[in-house]
Amino acid sequence: GGGFTSVLGHQVSRTGVAHCGLIFYFSPNDREFLEIELNASLIAGKKYCVSFYISFSDTVRYAIDRVGAYLSPDTVTYSDVVSFSITPQIENLAGNVITDTVNWILIADTFVAVGGERFITIANFYNDANTTTQIVNTTATQTYAYYFVDDVSVIDCGWSGIEENDNGAGISVFP
């Protein structure tokens, strides 16, 4: 796949010929985010498998743990992100600082749609106090955490529960 080299590092795309990069932490409480409109609105009660891959830049000072995805019916603004009032449905484990500059790290989980979600936003939705940081490069002039993002997907995984089947058949459960 393709890749690019810049002052923020080099990474080969996980698949295809392109990926993007974002500042997920820049103190005090500054963030960049990626927002994508889905092909269709999500259906209430359905379970969706959400995944994306990130890779840490090799030229910045900080690595962090807080990266997640938020699915919403409307677009999210910069003010929404830096108000730190959004709770992402999908997120990297707190305390799991991602420092891998070679491999693409999968962040994935499932969630049950409320219905009508049309956008996915990838960001660090936590303020500086609630973001674990690790100094990786003490000589870096870029004093933030920068990550590459690739292969974002939201896939229908089926229904979240068991639908009723009223066909008159009885069910017996034995020990």
N, C-alpha and C. Protein backbone atom coordinates (compact mmCIF):
# COMPACT_ATOMS: atom_id res chain seq x y z
N GLY A 1 0.81 -1.19 0.00
CA GLY A 1 0.00 0.00 0.00
C GLY A 1 0.85 1.24 0.00
N GLY A 2 0.20 2.37 -0.14
CA GLY A 2 0.90 3.64 -0.16
C GLY A 2 1.25 4.10 1.22
N GLY A 3 2.01 5.13 1.29
CA GLY A 3 2.39 5.70 2.57
C GLY A 3 2.92 7.10 2.34
N PHE A 4 3.23 7.80 3.42
CA PHE A 4 3.83 9.10 3.24
C PHE A 4 4.80 9.39 4.36
N THR A 5 5.75 10.25 4.04
CA THR A 5 6.75 10.69 5.00
C THR A 5 6.61 12.19 5.14
N SER A 6 6.62 12.67 6.38
CA SER A 6 6.56 14.10 6.64
C SER A 6 7.28 14.37 7.94
N VAL A 7 7.23 15.61 8.41
CA VAL A 7 7.85 15.93 9.70
C VAL A 7 7.17 15.15 10.83
N LEU A 8 6.00 14.59 10.56
CA LEU A 8 5.27 13.86 11.59
C LEU A 8 5.49 12.35 11.49
N GLY A 9 6.42 11.92 10.65
CA GLY A 9 6.77 10.52 10.59
C GLY A 9 6.43 9.88 9.27
N HIS A 10 6.67 8.58 9.21
CA HIS A 10 6.40 7.80 8.01
C HIS A 10 5.58 6.58 8.41
N GLN A 11 4.60 6.24 7.58
CA GLN A 11 3.86 5.01 7.78
C GLN A 11 3.30 4.57 6.43
N VAL A 12 3.38 3.27 6.19
CA VAL A 12 2.78 2.67 4.99
C VAL A 12 1.32 2.38 5.34
N SER A 13 0.40 2.69 4.43
CA SER A 13 -1.01 2.44 4.67
C SER A 13 -1.24 0.96 4.97
N ARG A 14 -2.17 0.68 5.86
CA ARG A 14 -2.48 -0.71 6.20
C ARG A 14 -3.04 -1.43 4.99
N THR A 15 -3.98 -0.80 4.30
CA THR A 15 -4.51 -1.29 3.03
C THR A 15 -4.70 -0.09 2.12
N GLY A 16 -4.79 -0.33 0.84
CA GLY A 16 -5.02 0.76 -0.09
C GLY A 16 -3.81 1.66 -0.24
N VAL A 17 -4.07 2.90 -0.62
CA VAL A 17 -2.97 3.81 -0.93
C VAL A 17 -2.98 5.09 -0.08
N ALA A 18 -3.87 5.17 0.90
CA ALA A 18 -3.93 6.39 1.71
C ALA A 18 -4.40 6.10 3.12
N HIS A 19 -4.08 7.01 4.00
CA HIS A 19 -4.57 7.01 5.38
C HIS A 19 -4.48 8.46 5.85
N CYS A 20 -4.89 8.72 7.07
CA CYS A 20 -4.81 10.10 7.57
C CYS A 20 -4.06 10.13 8.89
N GLY A 21 -3.75 11.32 9.34
CA GLY A 21 -3.07 11.49 10.61
C GLY A 21 -3.72 12.60 11.42
N LEU A 22 -3.72 12.42 12.74
CA LEU A 22 -4.42 13.36 13.62
C LEU A 22 -3.65 13.59 14.92
N ILE A 23 -3.76 14.81 15.44
CA ILE A 23 -3.24 15.10 16.77
C ILE A 23 -4.33 14.74 17.77
N PHE A 24 -4.08 13.69 18.55
CA PHE A 24 -5.06 13.24 19.54
C PHE A 24 -4.82 13.85 20.92
N TYR A 25 -3.68 14.53 21.08
CA TYR A 25 -3.38 15.17 22.36
C TYR A 25 -2.43 16.32 22.11
N PHE A 26 -2.82 17.51 22.54
CA PHE A 26 -1.97 18.69 22.48
C PHE A 26 -2.40 19.58 23.63
N SER A 27 -1.58 19.62 24.66
CA SER A 27 -1.93 20.35 25.87
C SER A 27 -1.80 21.86 25.63
N PRO A 28 -2.73 22.68 26.15
CA PRO A 28 -3.83 22.31 27.05
C PRO A 28 -5.13 21.99 26.29
N ASN A 29 -5.57 20.77 26.41
CA ASN A 29 -6.89 20.31 25.97
C ASN A 29 -7.24 20.65 24.52
N ASP A 30 -6.30 20.47 23.62
CA ASP A 30 -6.56 20.69 22.19
C ASP A 30 -6.55 19.34 21.49
N ARG A 31 -7.43 19.16 20.52
CA ARG A 31 -7.58 17.87 19.83
C ARG A 31 -7.94 18.09 18.37
N GLU A 32 -7.52 17.14 17.52
CA GLU A 32 -8.05 17.03 16.16
C GLU A 32 -8.93 15.79 16.13
N PHE A 33 -9.85 15.72 15.16
CA PHE A 33 -10.72 14.55 15.06
C PHE A 33 -11.04 14.27 13.61
N LEU A 34 -11.44 13.04 13.36
CA LEU A 34 -11.83 12.58 12.04
C LEU A 34 -13.31 12.24 12.09
N GLU A 35 -14.09 12.76 11.14
CA GLU A 35 -15.51 12.45 11.10
C GLU A 35 -15.87 11.94 9.71
N ILE A 36 -16.60 10.84 9.68
CA ILE A 36 -16.99 10.20 8.42
C ILE A 36 -18.50 10.00 8.43
N GLU A 37 -19.16 10.33 7.31
CA GLU A 37 -20.58 10.05 7.19
C GLU A 37 -20.75 8.63 6.70
N LEU A 38 -21.62 7.87 7.37
CA LEU A 38 -21.88 6.48 7.02
C LEU A 38 -22.73 6.40 5.75
N ASN A 39 -22.68 5.26 5.08
CA ASN A 39 -23.46 5.05 3.86
C ASN A 39 -24.96 5.05 4.14
N ALA A 40 -25.35 4.62 5.34
CA ALA A 40 -26.77 4.57 5.71
C ALA A 40 -26.88 4.76 7.22
N SER A 41 -28.05 5.20 7.67
CA SER A 41 -28.29 5.34 9.11
C SER A 41 -28.35 3.97 9.77
N LEU A 42 -27.89 3.90 11.01
CA LEU A 42 -27.93 2.64 11.74
C LEU A 42 -29.35 2.38 12.23
N ILE A 43 -29.66 1.10 12.42
CA ILE A 43 -31.01 0.66 12.78
C ILE A 43 -31.08 0.37 14.27
N ALA A 44 -32.09 0.89 14.94
CA ALA A 44 -32.26 0.72 16.38
C ALA A 44 -32.31 -0.77 16.74
N GLY A 45 -31.58 -1.14 17.78
CA GLY A 45 -31.59 -2.50 18.28
C GLY A 45 -30.63 -3.44 17.59
N LYS A 46 -30.02 -3.01 16.50
CA LYS A 46 -29.06 -3.86 15.80
C LYS A 46 -27.67 -3.68 16.41
N LYS A 47 -26.91 -4.76 16.39
CA LYS A 47 -25.55 -4.72 16.88
C LYS A 47 -24.62 -4.43 15.70
N TYR A 48 -23.66 -3.53 15.94
CA TYR A 48 -22.69 -3.15 14.91
C TYR A 48 -21.28 -3.40 15.41
N CYS A 49 -20.46 -3.93 14.52
CA CYS A 49 -19.04 -4.14 14.79
C CYS A 49 -18.31 -2.91 14.23
N VAL A 50 -17.64 -2.19 15.11
CA VAL A 50 -16.95 -0.97 14.74
C VAL A 50 -15.46 -1.20 14.93
N SER A 51 -14.66 -0.83 13.93
CA SER A 51 -13.22 -1.01 14.06
C SER A 51 -12.47 0.06 13.27
N PHE A 52 -11.25 0.32 13.73
CA PHE A 52 -10.31 1.17 13.00
C PHE A 52 -8.92 0.83 13.51
N TYR A 53 -7.93 1.21 12.75
CA TYR A 53 -6.54 0.93 13.09
C TYR A 53 -5.79 2.24 13.26
N ILE A 54 -4.87 2.25 14.24
CA ILE A 54 -4.01 3.42 14.42
C ILE A 54 -2.56 2.97 14.53
N SER A 55 -1.68 3.89 14.21
CA SER A 55 -0.24 3.66 14.35
C SER A 55 0.38 4.96 14.83
N PHE A 56 1.29 4.87 15.77
CA PHE A 56 1.90 6.03 16.40
C PHE A 56 2.99 6.64 15.52
N SER A 57 3.03 7.95 15.45
CA SER A 57 4.08 8.65 14.70
C SER A 57 5.42 8.51 15.43
N ASP A 58 6.49 8.44 14.67
CA ASP A 58 7.81 8.25 15.30
C ASP A 58 8.57 9.56 15.52
N THR A 59 7.90 10.71 15.36
CA THR A 59 8.62 11.98 15.50
C THR A 59 8.02 12.92 16.54
N VAL A 60 7.06 12.47 17.32
CA VAL A 60 6.42 13.36 18.30
C VAL A 60 6.81 12.96 19.72
N ARG A 61 6.56 13.84 20.65
CA ARG A 61 6.99 13.63 22.02
C ARG A 61 6.11 12.67 22.81
N TYR A 62 4.78 12.76 22.64
CA TYR A 62 3.87 12.03 23.52
C TYR A 62 3.13 10.90 22.82
N ALA A 63 2.92 9.82 23.56
CA ALA A 63 1.99 8.76 23.18
C ALA A 63 0.88 8.77 24.23
N ILE A 64 -0.32 8.33 23.84
CA ILE A 64 -1.47 8.36 24.76
C ILE A 64 -2.25 7.06 24.71
N ASP A 65 -3.23 6.97 25.62
CA ASP A 65 -4.11 5.80 25.67
C ASP A 65 -5.50 6.09 25.12
N ARG A 66 -5.96 7.32 25.19
CA ARG A 66 -7.36 7.64 24.91
C ARG A 66 -7.62 7.92 23.43
N VAL A 67 -8.11 6.90 22.74
CA VAL A 67 -8.55 7.04 21.35
C VAL A 67 -9.84 6.25 21.23
N GLY A 68 -10.87 6.86 20.66
CA GLY A 68 -12.14 6.16 20.56
C GLY A 68 -12.98 6.63 19.39
N ALA A 69 -14.13 5.98 19.24
CA ALA A 69 -15.07 6.30 18.17
C ALA A 69 -16.44 6.57 18.77
N TYR A 70 -17.07 7.60 18.26
CA TYR A 70 -18.40 8.00 18.71
C TYR A 70 -19.33 8.01 17.50
N LEU A 71 -20.43 7.29 17.60
CA LEU A 71 -21.42 7.24 16.53
C LEU A 71 -22.60 8.10 16.92
N SER A 72 -23.02 8.98 15.99
CA SER A 72 -24.04 9.98 16.32
C SER A 72 -24.94 10.25 15.12
N PRO A 73 -26.15 10.77 15.39
CA PRO A 73 -27.07 11.09 14.30
C PRO A 73 -26.66 12.37 13.56
N ASP A 74 -25.92 13.24 14.21
CA ASP A 74 -25.53 14.52 13.62
C ASP A 74 -24.01 14.68 13.67
N THR A 75 -23.53 15.67 12.93
CA THR A 75 -22.10 15.93 12.93
C THR A 75 -21.65 16.42 14.30
N VAL A 76 -20.39 16.24 14.57
CA VAL A 76 -19.77 16.68 15.81
C VAL A 76 -18.88 17.87 15.46
N THR A 77 -18.85 18.88 16.30
CA THR A 77 -18.02 20.05 16.05
C THR A 77 -16.77 20.02 16.93
N TYR A 78 -15.84 20.88 16.62
CA TYR A 78 -14.64 21.02 17.46
C TYR A 78 -15.03 21.35 18.90
N SER A 79 -16.00 22.24 19.06
CA SER A 79 -16.47 22.62 20.40
C SER A 79 -17.03 21.41 21.15
N ASP A 80 -17.74 20.53 20.43
CA ASP A 80 -18.26 19.31 21.05
C ASP A 80 -17.12 18.44 21.58
N VAL A 81 -16.08 18.28 20.76
CA VAL A 81 -14.96 17.40 21.15
C VAL A 81 -14.23 17.97 22.35
N VAL A 82 -13.90 19.27 22.32
CA VAL A 82 -13.11 19.84 23.42
C VAL A 82 -13.94 20.27 24.62
N SER A 83 -15.25 20.03 24.58
CA SER A 83 -16.06 20.20 25.80
C SER A 83 -15.91 18.96 26.68
N PHE A 84 -15.42 17.87 26.08
CA PHE A 84 -15.17 16.59 26.76
C PHE A 84 -16.43 16.06 27.44
N SER A 85 -17.57 16.25 26.77
CA SER A 85 -18.85 15.76 27.29
C SER A 85 -19.34 14.55 26.50
N ILE A 86 -18.61 14.15 25.46
CA ILE A 86 -18.99 13.01 24.63
C ILE A 86 -18.38 11.74 25.21
N THR A 87 -19.19 10.69 25.28
CA THR A 87 -18.69 9.38 25.71
C THR A 87 -18.67 8.46 24.49
N PRO A 88 -17.48 8.08 24.04
CA PRO A 88 -17.40 7.22 22.85
C PRO A 88 -17.93 5.82 23.15
N GLN A 89 -18.59 5.22 22.15
CA GLN A 89 -19.09 3.84 22.31
C GLN A 89 -17.96 2.82 22.16
N ILE A 90 -16.94 3.17 21.39
CA ILE A 90 -15.82 2.28 21.12
C ILE A 90 -14.56 3.00 21.57
N GLU A 91 -13.70 2.34 22.37
CA GLU A 91 -12.48 3.03 22.78
C GLU A 91 -11.38 2.07 23.18
N ASN A 92 -10.16 2.55 23.02
CA ASN A 92 -8.98 1.85 23.50
C ASN A 92 -9.05 1.78 25.03
N LEU A 93 -8.49 0.74 25.60
CA LEU A 93 -8.52 0.59 27.05
C LEU A 93 -7.73 1.69 27.74
N ALA A 94 -8.31 2.27 28.78
CA ALA A 94 -7.62 3.29 29.56
C ALA A 94 -6.33 2.70 30.11
N GLY A 95 -5.26 3.46 30.01
CA GLY A 95 -3.96 3.00 30.51
C GLY A 95 -3.15 2.22 29.49
N ASN A 96 -3.77 1.83 28.38
CA ASN A 96 -3.07 1.09 27.32
C ASN A 96 -2.48 2.11 26.33
N VAL A 97 -1.33 2.67 26.67
CA VAL A 97 -0.68 3.68 25.84
C VAL A 97 -0.14 3.02 24.57
N ILE A 98 -0.50 3.57 23.42
CA ILE A 98 -0.10 2.99 22.13
C ILE A 98 1.15 3.69 21.62
N THR A 99 2.26 2.95 21.55
CA THR A 99 3.54 3.51 21.14
C THR A 99 4.12 2.83 19.91
N ASP A 100 3.40 1.89 19.31
CA ASP A 100 3.92 1.13 18.17
C ASP A 100 3.96 2.02 16.93
N THR A 101 5.16 2.22 16.38
CA THR A 101 5.33 3.06 15.20
C THR A 101 5.42 2.23 13.92
N VAL A 102 5.46 0.91 14.05
CA VAL A 102 5.63 0.03 12.88
C VAL A 102 4.30 -0.61 12.48
N ASN A 103 3.60 -1.18 13.45
CA ASN A 103 2.38 -1.94 13.18
C ASN A 103 1.14 -1.07 13.31
N TRP A 104 0.07 -1.55 12.70
CA TRP A 104 -1.25 -0.93 12.85
C TRP A 104 -1.96 -1.64 13.99
N ILE A 105 -2.44 -0.89 14.97
CA ILE A 105 -3.09 -1.44 16.16
C ILE A 105 -4.61 -1.34 16.00
N LEU A 106 -5.28 -2.48 16.15
CA LEU A 106 -6.73 -2.54 16.00
C LEU A 106 -7.42 -2.02 17.25
N ILE A 107 -8.39 -1.13 17.05
CA ILE A 107 -9.29 -0.70 18.12
C ILE A 107 -10.68 -1.08 17.64
N ALA A 108 -11.34 -1.97 18.37
CA ALA A 108 -12.62 -2.50 17.88
C ALA A 108 -13.50 -2.94 19.04
N ASP A 109 -14.80 -2.89 18.80
CA ASP A 109 -15.78 -3.39 19.76
C ASP A 109 -17.13 -3.40 19.05
N THR A 110 -18.14 -3.89 19.75
CA THR A 110 -19.49 -3.86 19.21
C THR A 110 -20.34 -2.93 20.06
N PHE A 111 -21.41 -2.44 19.48
CA PHE A 111 -22.37 -1.66 20.26
C PHE A 111 -23.74 -1.81 19.61
N VAL A 112 -24.77 -1.57 20.40
CA VAL A 112 -26.15 -1.66 19.92
C VAL A 112 -26.62 -0.24 19.59
N ALA A 113 -27.07 -0.06 18.36
CA ALA A 113 -27.48 1.26 17.89
C ALA A 113 -28.77 1.72 18.56
N VAL A 114 -28.83 2.99 18.87
CA VAL A 114 -30.06 3.62 19.33
C VAL A 114 -30.98 3.81 18.13
N GLY A 115 -30.36 4.00 16.97
CA GLY A 115 -31.09 4.22 15.71
C GLY A 115 -30.86 5.62 15.19
N GLY A 116 -30.60 5.73 13.91
CA GLY A 116 -30.42 7.03 13.29
C GLY A 116 -28.99 7.54 13.28
N GLU A 117 -28.05 6.78 13.86
CA GLU A 117 -26.66 7.23 13.82
C GLU A 117 -26.19 7.26 12.36
N ARG A 118 -25.61 8.38 11.95
CA ARG A 118 -25.18 8.55 10.56
C ARG A 118 -23.72 8.95 10.43
N PHE A 119 -23.05 9.25 11.57
CA PHE A 119 -21.67 9.71 11.54
C PHE A 119 -20.83 8.94 12.55
N ILE A 120 -19.57 8.72 12.19
CA ILE A 120 -18.59 8.17 13.13
C ILE A 120 -17.49 9.21 13.28
N THR A 121 -17.14 9.51 14.52
CA THR A 121 -16.10 10.47 14.82
C THR A 121 -15.01 9.75 15.62
N ILE A 122 -13.78 9.89 15.18
CA ILE A 122 -12.63 9.27 15.86
C ILE A 122 -11.80 10.38 16.47
N ALA A 123 -11.55 10.28 17.78
CA ALA A 123 -10.85 11.34 18.51
C ALA A 123 -10.41 10.83 19.87
N ASN A 124 -9.74 11.71 20.59
CA ASN A 124 -9.53 11.55 22.02
C ASN A 124 -10.59 12.43 22.67
N PHE A 125 -11.58 11.81 23.29
CA PHE A 125 -12.71 12.53 23.86
C PHE A 125 -12.49 12.88 25.34
N TYR A 126 -11.26 12.74 25.83
CA TYR A 126 -10.96 12.98 27.24
C TYR A 126 -10.04 14.18 27.39
N ASN A 127 -10.21 14.92 28.48
CA ASN A 127 -9.35 16.07 28.74
C ASN A 127 -7.96 15.61 29.15
N ASP A 128 -7.05 16.57 29.27
CA ASP A 128 -5.65 16.23 29.59
C ASP A 128 -5.54 15.45 30.90
N ALA A 129 -6.33 15.84 31.90
CA ALA A 129 -6.26 15.19 33.21
C ALA A 129 -6.68 13.72 33.15
N ASN A 130 -7.53 13.37 32.19
CA ASN A 130 -8.02 12.00 32.08
C ASN A 130 -7.41 11.25 30.89
N THR A 131 -6.31 11.76 30.37
CA THR A 131 -5.57 11.10 29.30
C THR A 131 -4.20 10.71 29.83
N THR A 132 -3.89 9.43 29.77
CA THR A 132 -2.57 8.97 30.17
C THR A 132 -1.59 9.30 29.06
N THR A 133 -0.52 10.04 29.41
CA THR A 133 0.49 10.37 28.43
C THR A 133 1.81 9.69 28.81
N GLN A 134 2.60 9.41 27.79
CA GLN A 134 3.92 8.84 28.00
C GLN A 134 4.89 9.59 27.09
N ILE A 135 5.97 10.12 27.66
CA ILE A 135 6.98 10.78 26.85
C ILE A 135 7.80 9.70 26.16
N VAL A 136 7.77 9.72 24.82
CA VAL A 136 8.46 8.71 24.03
C VAL A 136 9.73 9.27 23.41
N ASN A 137 9.71 10.55 23.07
CA ASN A 137 10.84 11.18 22.39
C ASN A 137 11.11 12.52 23.05
N THR A 138 12.10 12.57 23.95
CA THR A 138 12.36 13.81 24.72
C THR A 138 12.90 14.93 23.85
N THR A 139 13.47 14.62 22.69
CA THR A 139 14.05 15.66 21.84
C THR A 139 13.09 16.14 20.75
N ALA A 140 11.90 15.57 20.69
CA ALA A 140 10.94 15.96 19.65
C ALA A 140 10.48 17.40 19.83
N THR A 141 10.45 18.13 18.73
CA THR A 141 9.94 19.50 18.78
C THR A 141 8.43 19.54 18.66
N GLN A 142 7.82 18.44 18.17
CA GLN A 142 6.37 18.33 18.11
C GLN A 142 5.89 17.81 19.46
N THR A 143 5.38 18.71 20.31
CA THR A 143 5.04 18.36 21.69
C THR A 143 3.57 17.96 21.81
N TYR A 144 3.21 16.96 21.02
CA TYR A 144 1.85 16.44 21.04
C TYR A 144 1.88 14.97 20.70
N ALA A 145 0.70 14.33 20.69
CA ALA A 145 0.56 12.92 20.30
C ALA A 145 -0.11 12.88 18.93
N TYR A 146 0.57 12.26 17.98
CA TYR A 146 0.07 12.21 16.60
C TYR A 146 -0.02 10.76 16.18
N TYR A 147 -1.18 10.39 15.61
CA TYR A 147 -1.41 9.02 15.19
C TYR A 147 -1.95 8.98 13.77
N PHE A 148 -1.56 7.94 13.05
CA PHE A 148 -2.12 7.67 11.74
C PHE A 148 -3.36 6.79 11.92
N VAL A 149 -4.38 6.97 11.08
CA VAL A 149 -5.63 6.21 11.16
C VAL A 149 -5.92 5.60 9.79
N ASP A 150 -6.35 4.33 9.78
CA ASP A 150 -6.68 3.65 8.53
C ASP A 150 -7.79 2.63 8.77
N ASP A 151 -8.46 2.24 7.70
CA ASP A 151 -9.43 1.14 7.68
C ASP A 151 -10.52 1.27 8.74
N VAL A 152 -11.27 2.35 8.68
CA VAL A 152 -12.41 2.57 9.58
C VAL A 152 -13.60 1.80 9.03
N SER A 153 -14.27 1.01 9.87
CA SER A 153 -15.45 0.28 9.39
C SER A 153 -16.54 0.19 10.45
N VAL A 154 -17.79 0.19 9.97
CA VAL A 154 -18.97 -0.03 10.81
C VAL A 154 -19.79 -1.08 10.06
N ILE A 155 -19.88 -2.27 10.65
CA ILE A 155 -20.52 -3.40 9.97
C ILE A 155 -21.68 -3.93 10.81
N ASP A 156 -22.79 -4.20 10.16
CA ASP A 156 -23.96 -4.80 10.81
C ASP A 156 -23.60 -6.20 11.27
N CYS A 157 -23.71 -6.45 12.59
CA CYS A 157 -23.39 -7.76 13.17
C CYS A 157 -24.65 -8.54 13.54
N GLY A 158 -25.83 -8.03 13.21
CA GLY A 158 -27.06 -8.75 13.55
C GLY A 158 -27.81 -8.08 14.68
N TRP A 159 -28.81 -8.78 15.18
CA TRP A 159 -29.63 -8.24 16.26
C TRP A 159 -28.96 -8.45 17.59
N SER A 160 -29.26 -7.58 18.53
CA SER A 160 -28.59 -7.62 19.82
C SER A 160 -29.20 -8.63 20.78
N GLY A 161 -30.40 -9.09 20.51
CA GLY A 161 -31.05 -10.02 21.42
C GLY A 161 -31.79 -11.08 20.64
N ILE A 162 -32.67 -11.77 21.32
CA ILE A 162 -33.47 -12.80 20.68
C ILE A 162 -34.85 -12.25 20.42
N GLU A 163 -35.27 -12.29 19.17
CA GLU A 163 -36.61 -11.82 18.84
C GLU A 163 -37.62 -12.88 19.24
N GLU A 164 -38.82 -12.44 19.60
CA GLU A 164 -39.87 -13.38 19.97
C GLU A 164 -40.33 -14.16 18.75
N ASN A 165 -40.59 -15.42 18.96
CA ASN A 165 -41.10 -16.27 17.89
C ASN A 165 -42.37 -16.92 18.41
N ASP A 166 -43.50 -16.35 18.06
CA ASP A 166 -44.77 -16.83 18.58
C ASP A 166 -45.44 -17.74 17.53
N ASN A 167 -44.92 -18.96 17.43
CA ASN A 167 -45.51 -19.89 16.48
C ASN A 167 -46.32 -20.98 17.17
N GLY A 168 -46.60 -20.77 18.47
CA GLY A 168 -47.41 -21.71 19.22
C GLY A 168 -46.64 -22.90 19.78
N ALA A 169 -45.37 -23.02 19.44
CA ALA A 169 -44.57 -24.15 19.95
C ALA A 169 -44.12 -23.84 21.36
N GLY A 170 -44.19 -24.82 22.22
CA GLY A 170 -43.74 -24.65 23.60
C GLY A 170 -42.28 -25.01 23.72
N ILE A 171 -41.60 -24.38 24.66
CA ILE A 171 -40.21 -24.68 24.93
C ILE A 171 -40.10 -25.15 26.34
N SER A 172 -39.42 -26.28 26.55
CA SER A 172 -39.18 -26.80 27.88
C SER A 172 -37.69 -26.83 28.14
N VAL A 173 -37.32 -26.44 29.35
CA VAL A 173 -35.90 -26.45 29.74
C VAL A 173 -35.77 -27.44 30.89
N PHE A 174 -34.84 -28.38 30.73
CA PHE A 174 -34.61 -29.41 31.74
C PHE A 174 -33.22 -29.21 32.34
N PRO A 175 -33.06 -29.54 33.62
CA PRO A 175 -31.73 -29.41 34.24
C PRO A 175 -30.75 -30.40 33.64
